[in-house]
């Protein structure tokens, strides 16, 4: 029984541009440590084979230091390592795949057509291909069928299945079904997919190994699998990210905003990056997004609070008063009702909140 790991989409040297300078630099350092942590896992768990399905670097011109760190970490693995470069870290002149010295246990596929490496000790053949440019319109599996030679055949590719446009290693279900592969390890899709069987082939995307923004939410990690002599595959997802991105919506209607948020928060958020979205109706004082962000910031690695509340309708009723307050609210109500976008509507409500606070000589939040 062979034990393997299937991971992808490290995107080393990502900018983490949404964070402040200190945290973005720290996140880049943490991401470079991913391969070393993975190496420790591989060795402690007795993993035989590591399949890395592309976009390990965020760019084909990654920093040399980053490539050398990755090479050193992979070289520490007591396992055979296979890499299929993707559309971000495509194999070509100047890429770390060609400029860095890679250890003997690491095989990097370098052609934009399937090539094979035999591993006789496991009666196994690994087939893989590389992006050799930022886009690849042809399917590497087109016309491929593994030989019926009594060996177990698996594939390693970066690409999409039945994609709407042929740009990033398009794969057709018919080609997968005809491939004769026991397992097809895929990269490129950052959201983990459950394993699916197409014909006789099990295929899956593990997703990115670390989230980098609020479009990559929740637990991230890799698949750990076993492969027996008959080609039967079993997979288990292993959470591995050091930090998670999470979005939490909290309805603060009729509640104290801070109390509502704290009641909705899970127990342990200190290592994670959160976006808290305030919803519902609020009074004149508003939801106090900025004050909340400041008050709760030390509960998170990073926090942003967004105000998506609506001003309570009964406050607008005071627009009928024959007073400065009424005149002010009538003007803002007209602007709100005539708004062409949600952003314009929210701006009108925000102006109403601040204006009412000024009229009453009080602070918002």
Protein backbone atom coordinates (compact mmCIF):
# COMPACT_ATOMS: atom_id res chain seq x y z
CA UNK A 1 0.00 0.00 0.00
CA UNK A 2 1.47 3.32 -1.12
CA UNK A 3 0.76 6.52 0.81
CA UNK A 4 0.78 9.83 -1.03
CA UNK A 5 0.06 13.52 -0.62
CA UNK A 6 -1.61 15.64 -3.28
CA UNK A 7 -1.22 19.42 -2.84
CA UNK A 8 -1.27 22.44 -5.14
CA UNK A 9 -1.40 26.21 -5.48
CA UNK A 10 1.03 27.41 -2.81
CA UNK A 11 1.42 30.72 -4.72
CA UNK A 12 4.66 31.55 -2.92
CA UNK A 13 5.61 35.24 -2.96
CA UNK A 14 2.00 36.38 -3.22
CA UNK A 15 1.74 40.06 -2.32
CA UNK A 16 -0.97 39.82 0.39
CA UNK A 17 -1.62 43.40 -0.68
CA UNK A 18 -4.83 43.83 1.33
CA UNK A 19 -2.84 43.67 4.58
CA UNK A 20 -0.65 46.37 6.06
CA UNK A 21 3.05 46.26 5.27
CA UNK A 22 4.06 44.44 8.45
CA UNK A 23 1.45 41.72 8.21
CA UNK A 24 1.87 41.21 4.46
CA UNK A 25 5.61 40.65 4.97
CA UNK A 26 4.87 38.23 7.80
CA UNK A 27 2.36 36.32 5.67
CA UNK A 28 4.91 35.97 2.86
CA UNK A 29 7.41 34.54 5.36
CA UNK A 30 4.80 32.13 6.66
CA UNK A 31 3.89 30.98 3.16
CA UNK A 32 7.54 30.22 2.39
CA UNK A 33 7.58 27.97 5.47
CA UNK A 34 4.70 25.88 4.09
CA UNK A 35 6.95 23.42 2.25
CA UNK A 36 9.14 22.90 5.32
CA UNK A 37 6.09 22.18 7.47
CA UNK A 38 4.87 19.82 4.76
CA UNK A 39 8.26 18.10 4.72
CA UNK A 40 8.02 17.50 8.46
CA UNK A 41 4.55 16.03 7.98
CA UNK A 42 5.70 13.77 5.14
CA UNK A 43 8.58 12.37 7.16
CA UNK A 44 6.67 11.95 10.41
CA UNK A 45 3.78 10.18 8.65
CA UNK A 46 5.89 7.92 6.44
CA UNK A 47 4.48 9.30 3.18
CA UNK A 48 5.96 7.63 0.07
CA UNK A 49 4.96 9.98 -2.74
CA UNK A 50 4.25 13.72 -3.00
CA UNK A 51 2.25 15.10 -5.94
CA UNK A 52 2.36 18.90 -6.37
CA UNK A 53 -0.05 20.08 -9.06
CA UNK A 54 1.32 23.47 -10.02
CA UNK A 55 1.32 27.16 -9.13
CA UNK A 56 3.72 26.59 -6.27
CA UNK A 57 5.08 30.05 -7.10
CA UNK A 58 2.85 33.04 -7.74
CA UNK A 59 5.01 34.03 -10.70
CA UNK A 60 7.29 32.41 -13.26
CA UNK A 61 9.91 34.94 -12.11
CA UNK A 62 9.82 34.17 -8.38
CA UNK A 63 12.58 35.35 -6.07
CA UNK A 64 15.57 33.03 -6.25
CA UNK A 65 15.65 32.81 -2.46
CA UNK A 66 12.09 31.49 -2.47
CA UNK A 67 13.00 28.81 -5.01
CA UNK A 68 16.04 27.79 -3.02
CA UNK A 69 13.97 27.53 0.17
CA UNK A 70 11.42 25.35 -1.63
CA UNK A 71 14.19 23.16 -3.08
CA UNK A 72 15.78 22.67 0.34
CA UNK A 73 12.44 21.76 1.95
CA UNK A 74 11.51 19.26 -0.76
CA UNK A 75 14.99 17.76 -0.57
CA UNK A 76 14.39 16.95 3.10
CA UNK A 77 11.38 14.81 2.22
CA UNK A 78 11.97 11.10 2.54
CA UNK A 79 9.67 10.62 -0.43
CA UNK A 80 9.60 10.92 -4.20
CA UNK A 81 8.27 14.33 -5.26
CA UNK A 82 6.61 15.15 -8.61
CA UNK A 83 5.75 18.67 -9.78
CA UNK A 84 3.59 19.81 -12.72
CA UNK A 85 4.19 23.58 -13.21
CA UNK A 86 1.03 25.63 -13.74
CA UNK A 87 -0.04 28.84 -15.44
CA UNK A 88 1.47 31.11 -12.77
CA UNK A 89 4.80 29.27 -12.38
CA UNK A 90 5.09 27.97 -15.94
CA UNK A 91 8.25 26.20 -17.02
CA UNK A 92 10.40 28.48 -19.14
CA UNK A 93 13.53 30.64 -19.34
CA UNK A 94 14.27 32.37 -16.04
CA UNK A 95 11.78 30.33 -14.03
CA UNK A 96 13.00 28.77 -10.77
CA UNK A 97 12.31 25.35 -12.28
CA UNK A 98 15.30 25.99 -14.54
CA UNK A 99 17.51 28.31 -12.49
CA UNK A 100 17.46 26.55 -9.10
CA UNK A 101 19.25 23.27 -8.32
CA UNK A 102 16.61 20.70 -7.42
CA UNK A 103 17.38 17.59 -5.34
CA UNK A 104 17.44 14.07 -6.76
CA UNK A 105 14.14 13.06 -5.16
CA UNK A 106 12.29 15.82 -7.07
CA UNK A 107 11.07 15.35 -10.64
CA UNK A 108 9.72 18.42 -12.46
CA UNK A 109 7.69 17.81 -15.60
CA UNK A 110 8.95 20.21 -18.25
CA UNK A 111 6.97 19.55 -21.45
CA UNK A 112 3.48 20.63 -22.43
CA UNK A 113 2.68 17.04 -23.33
CA UNK A 114 2.41 14.03 -21.04
CA UNK A 115 5.65 12.27 -20.15
CA UNK A 116 6.03 9.29 -17.86
CA UNK A 117 8.24 8.29 -14.95
CA UNK A 118 8.25 4.69 -13.75
CA UNK A 119 8.57 3.76 -10.09
CA UNK A 120 9.20 -0.01 -10.22
CA UNK A 121 9.24 -0.44 -6.44
CA UNK A 122 5.52 0.31 -6.41
CA UNK A 123 4.66 -1.02 -9.88
CA UNK A 124 3.60 2.57 -10.58
CA UNK A 125 3.88 5.04 -13.47
CA UNK A 126 3.41 8.78 -12.93
CA UNK A 127 2.33 10.78 -16.01
CA UNK A 128 2.56 14.56 -15.97
CA UNK A 129 2.91 17.73 -18.02
CA UNK A 130 3.82 21.37 -17.52
CA UNK A 131 2.53 24.73 -18.62
CA UNK A 132 5.26 26.21 -20.80
CA UNK A 133 3.55 29.59 -21.01
CA UNK A 134 0.96 31.55 -19.02
CA UNK A 135 -1.85 29.94 -21.02
CA UNK A 136 -2.30 26.50 -22.51
CA UNK A 137 -5.22 25.87 -24.82
CA UNK A 138 -4.65 22.19 -25.56
CA UNK A 139 -5.61 19.30 -23.30
CA UNK A 140 -2.65 17.20 -22.21
CA UNK A 141 -4.96 14.18 -22.04
CA UNK A 142 -6.28 14.48 -25.59
CA UNK A 143 -5.79 11.08 -27.23
CA UNK A 144 -3.96 9.59 -24.23
CA UNK A 145 -4.65 6.13 -22.88
CA UNK A 146 -2.37 4.46 -20.36
CA UNK A 147 -1.04 1.11 -21.59
CA UNK A 148 -2.64 -2.06 -20.27
CA UNK A 149 0.65 -3.37 -18.87
CA UNK A 150 -0.34 -4.51 -15.39
CA UNK A 151 1.06 -1.34 -13.80
CA UNK A 152 -0.85 1.30 -11.92
CA UNK A 153 -0.92 4.62 -13.80
CA UNK A 154 -1.65 8.01 -12.24
CA UNK A 155 -1.61 11.56 -13.64
CA UNK A 156 -0.49 14.97 -12.37
CA UNK A 157 -1.77 18.09 -14.15
CA UNK A 158 -2.69 21.72 -13.64
CA UNK A 159 -5.98 22.55 -15.31
CA UNK A 160 -9.76 22.78 -15.44
CA UNK A 161 -12.42 20.23 -16.38
CA UNK A 162 -15.02 21.35 -18.93
CA UNK A 163 -13.89 24.99 -18.60
CA UNK A 164 -15.96 27.70 -20.35
CA UNK A 165 -12.88 28.78 -22.33
CA UNK A 166 -9.74 26.93 -23.40
CA UNK A 167 -7.02 28.90 -21.62
CA UNK A 168 -5.78 26.96 -18.62
CA UNK A 169 -5.14 23.34 -19.49
CA UNK A 170 -8.70 22.38 -20.45
CA UNK A 171 -9.65 18.78 -19.69
CA UNK A 172 -12.63 16.94 -21.15
CA UNK A 173 -14.51 14.35 -19.19
CA UNK A 174 -14.39 11.99 -22.15
CA UNK A 175 -10.59 12.24 -22.22
CA UNK A 176 -10.35 11.57 -18.49
CA UNK A 177 -12.65 8.56 -18.79
CA UNK A 178 -10.55 7.15 -21.63
CA UNK A 179 -7.21 7.81 -19.92
CA UNK A 180 -6.97 4.58 -17.95
CA UNK A 181 -5.48 6.50 -15.01
CA UNK A 182 -6.28 5.27 -11.53
CA UNK A 183 -5.93 8.77 -10.11
CA UNK A 184 -5.64 12.24 -11.63
CA UNK A 185 -4.12 14.80 -9.25
CA UNK A 186 -5.18 18.30 -10.31
CA UNK A 187 -4.32 21.90 -9.47
CA UNK A 188 -5.56 25.36 -10.49
CA UNK A 189 -8.96 25.41 -8.75
CA UNK A 190 -8.45 27.08 -5.37
CA UNK A 191 -11.59 25.69 -3.78
CA UNK A 192 -11.25 22.08 -2.70
CA UNK A 193 -13.47 19.62 -4.54
CA UNK A 194 -14.67 16.29 -3.30
CA UNK A 195 -13.10 13.39 -5.23
CA UNK A 196 -15.12 12.43 -8.29
CA UNK A 197 -14.92 9.32 -10.46
CA UNK A 198 -14.97 9.88 -14.21
CA UNK A 199 -14.97 6.55 -15.98
CA UNK A 200 -12.46 4.51 -14.02
CA UNK A 201 -10.43 7.54 -12.92
CA UNK A 202 -10.69 9.24 -9.54
CA UNK A 203 -9.78 12.94 -9.77
CA UNK A 204 -9.74 15.83 -7.32
CA UNK A 205 -8.47 19.33 -6.59
CA UNK A 206 -7.18 19.88 -3.04
CA UNK A 207 -7.56 23.65 -3.43
CA UNK A 208 -4.91 26.15 -2.39
CA UNK A 209 -2.89 25.18 0.67
CA UNK A 210 -3.22 28.64 2.28
CA UNK A 211 -5.92 31.25 1.77
CA UNK A 212 -4.68 34.64 0.55
CA UNK A 213 -7.84 36.74 0.65
CA UNK A 214 -11.56 36.77 1.33
CA UNK A 215 -12.20 34.91 -1.92
CA UNK A 216 -10.42 31.87 -0.42
CA UNK A 217 -12.37 31.13 2.75
CA UNK A 218 -12.25 28.42 5.38
CA UNK A 219 -9.98 25.48 5.96
CA UNK A 220 -7.23 24.94 3.40
CA UNK A 221 -4.84 22.02 3.09
CA UNK A 222 -4.13 18.94 0.99
CA UNK A 223 -5.32 15.43 0.25
CA UNK A 224 -3.64 12.46 1.83
CA UNK A 225 -4.28 9.23 -0.06
CA UNK A 226 -3.53 5.58 -0.33
CA UNK A 227 -3.11 3.58 -3.50
CA UNK A 228 -3.16 -0.21 -3.52
CA UNK A 229 -1.77 -2.65 -6.09
CA UNK A 230 -5.08 -2.81 -7.94
CA UNK A 231 -5.19 0.98 -8.37
CA UNK A 232 -7.88 1.57 -5.77
CA UNK A 233 -7.61 5.11 -4.32
CA UNK A 234 -8.74 6.42 -0.93
CA UNK A 235 -8.49 10.12 -0.02
CA UNK A 236 -8.70 12.15 3.21
CA UNK A 237 -8.53 15.93 3.40
CA UNK A 238 -5.94 17.27 5.84
CA UNK A 239 -6.39 20.91 7.04
CA UNK A 240 -2.94 22.48 7.01
CA UNK A 241 -3.19 26.27 6.68
CA UNK A 242 -1.70 28.36 9.45
CA UNK A 243 -4.47 30.93 9.14
CA UNK A 244 -7.97 31.06 7.74
CA UNK A 245 -9.96 33.81 6.07
CA UNK A 246 -13.56 34.01 7.27
CA UNK A 247 -16.54 36.28 6.57
CA UNK A 248 -19.11 36.61 9.37
CA UNK A 249 -22.44 38.39 8.84
CA UNK A 250 -24.11 39.68 12.01
CA UNK A 251 -27.64 41.12 12.16
CA UNK A 252 -27.55 43.94 14.73
CA UNK A 253 -31.22 44.96 14.47
CA UNK A 254 -32.41 46.04 17.90
CA UNK A 255 -29.14 44.97 19.53
CA UNK A 256 -25.97 46.46 20.84
CA UNK A 257 -23.58 46.01 17.91
CA UNK A 258 -20.59 44.83 19.93
CA UNK A 259 -22.63 42.40 22.01
CA UNK A 260 -24.21 40.96 18.86
CA UNK A 261 -20.82 40.46 17.20
CA UNK A 262 -19.21 38.90 20.27
CA UNK A 263 -22.13 36.49 20.65
CA UNK A 264 -21.70 35.37 17.03
CA UNK A 265 -17.93 34.87 17.15
CA UNK A 266 -16.40 31.40 17.55
CA UNK A 267 -14.17 30.85 20.57
CA UNK A 268 -10.74 31.00 18.92
CA UNK A 269 -10.12 33.62 16.24
CA UNK A 270 -6.64 34.86 17.20
CA UNK A 271 -4.81 33.19 14.31
CA UNK A 272 -7.33 34.09 11.62
CA UNK A 273 -8.29 36.97 9.33
CA UNK A 274 -11.92 38.07 9.60
CA UNK A 275 -14.32 40.32 7.74
CA UNK A 276 -17.34 41.07 9.89
CA UNK A 277 -20.32 42.42 7.97
CA UNK A 278 -22.95 44.25 10.01
CA UNK A 279 -26.50 43.89 8.67
CA UNK A 280 -30.02 44.82 9.72
CA UNK A 281 -31.50 48.12 10.90
CA UNK A 282 -29.79 50.55 13.28
CA UNK A 283 -30.74 53.72 15.09
CA UNK A 284 -29.32 57.20 14.73
CA UNK A 285 -25.98 56.21 16.21
CA UNK A 286 -25.32 53.66 13.51
CA UNK A 287 -23.53 50.37 13.95
CA UNK A 288 -20.16 51.90 14.85
CA UNK A 289 -18.08 49.87 12.40
CA UNK A 290 -14.86 51.81 12.97
CA UNK A 291 -15.24 51.69 16.74
CA UNK A 292 -15.97 47.97 16.62
CA UNK A 293 -12.92 47.32 14.47
CA UNK A 294 -10.71 49.16 16.93
CA UNK A 295 -12.26 47.49 19.99
CA UNK A 296 -12.01 43.93 18.66
CA UNK A 297 -8.80 44.11 16.63
CA UNK A 298 -6.67 42.26 19.20
CA UNK A 299 -8.99 39.24 18.96
CA UNK A 300 -7.79 38.51 15.39
CA UNK A 301 -4.68 38.32 13.28
CA UNK A 302 -6.39 40.91 11.09
CA UNK A 303 -9.90 42.34 11.15
CA UNK A 304 -12.06 44.54 8.97
CA UNK A 305 -15.63 45.52 9.82
CA UNK A 306 -18.03 46.54 7.07
CA UNK A 307 -21.27 48.35 7.72
CA UNK A 308 -24.13 47.04 5.58
CA UNK A 309 -26.88 48.15 7.94
CA UNK A 310 -29.91 50.22 7.00
CA UNK A 311 -31.10 53.25 8.89
CA UNK A 312 -34.28 52.38 10.79
CA UNK A 313 -37.38 53.46 8.88
CA UNK A 314 -38.95 55.18 11.90
CA UNK A 315 -36.06 57.67 11.89
CA UNK A 316 -36.99 58.77 8.37
CA UNK A 317 -40.52 59.48 9.63
CA UNK A 318 -39.12 62.51 11.42
CA UNK A 319 -38.49 64.06 8.02
CA UNK A 320 -42.05 65.44 8.27
CA UNK A 321 -41.13 67.61 11.24
CA UNK A 322 -41.20 71.37 10.69
CA UNK A 323 -37.66 71.76 11.95
CA UNK A 324 -34.03 71.87 10.87
CA UNK A 325 -33.91 68.11 11.58
CA UNK A 326 -36.91 67.54 9.32
CA UNK A 327 -35.49 69.63 6.50
CA UNK A 328 -32.17 67.80 6.76
CA UNK A 329 -33.82 64.37 6.68
CA UNK A 330 -36.09 65.30 3.76
CA UNK A 331 -33.09 66.24 1.65
CA UNK A 332 -31.21 63.04 2.54
CA UNK A 333 -34.33 60.92 1.96
CA UNK A 334 -34.69 62.37 -1.53
CA UNK A 335 -31.06 61.54 -2.22
CA UNK A 336 -31.51 58.01 -0.85
CA UNK A 337 -34.69 57.33 -2.84
CA UNK A 338 -33.10 58.64 -6.04
CA UNK A 339 -29.91 56.64 -5.64
CA UNK A 340 -28.99 54.61 -8.72
CA UNK A 341 -26.59 52.27 -6.92
CA UNK A 342 -26.42 50.56 -3.55
CA UNK A 343 -23.26 52.56 -2.82
CA UNK A 344 -25.09 55.86 -3.36
CA UNK A 345 -27.96 54.72 -1.13
CA UNK A 346 -25.57 53.78 1.67
CA UNK A 347 -23.76 57.11 1.32
CA UNK A 348 -27.05 58.96 1.84
CA UNK A 349 -27.84 56.93 4.94
CA UNK A 350 -24.33 57.47 6.28
CA UNK A 351 -24.71 61.23 5.78
CA UNK A 352 -28.02 61.12 7.64
CA UNK A 353 -26.46 59.29 10.58
CA UNK A 354 -23.57 61.71 10.88
CA UNK A 355 -25.81 64.72 10.42
CA UNK A 356 -28.23 63.62 13.13
CA UNK A 357 -25.33 62.98 15.48
CA UNK A 358 -24.01 66.49 14.82
CA UNK A 359 -27.44 68.03 15.45
CA UNK A 360 -27.62 66.21 18.79
CA UNK A 361 -23.98 66.95 19.72
CA UNK A 362 -23.07 63.29 20.11
CA UNK A 363 -20.58 60.82 18.65
CA UNK A 364 -21.36 57.94 16.29
CA UNK A 365 -20.35 54.45 17.50
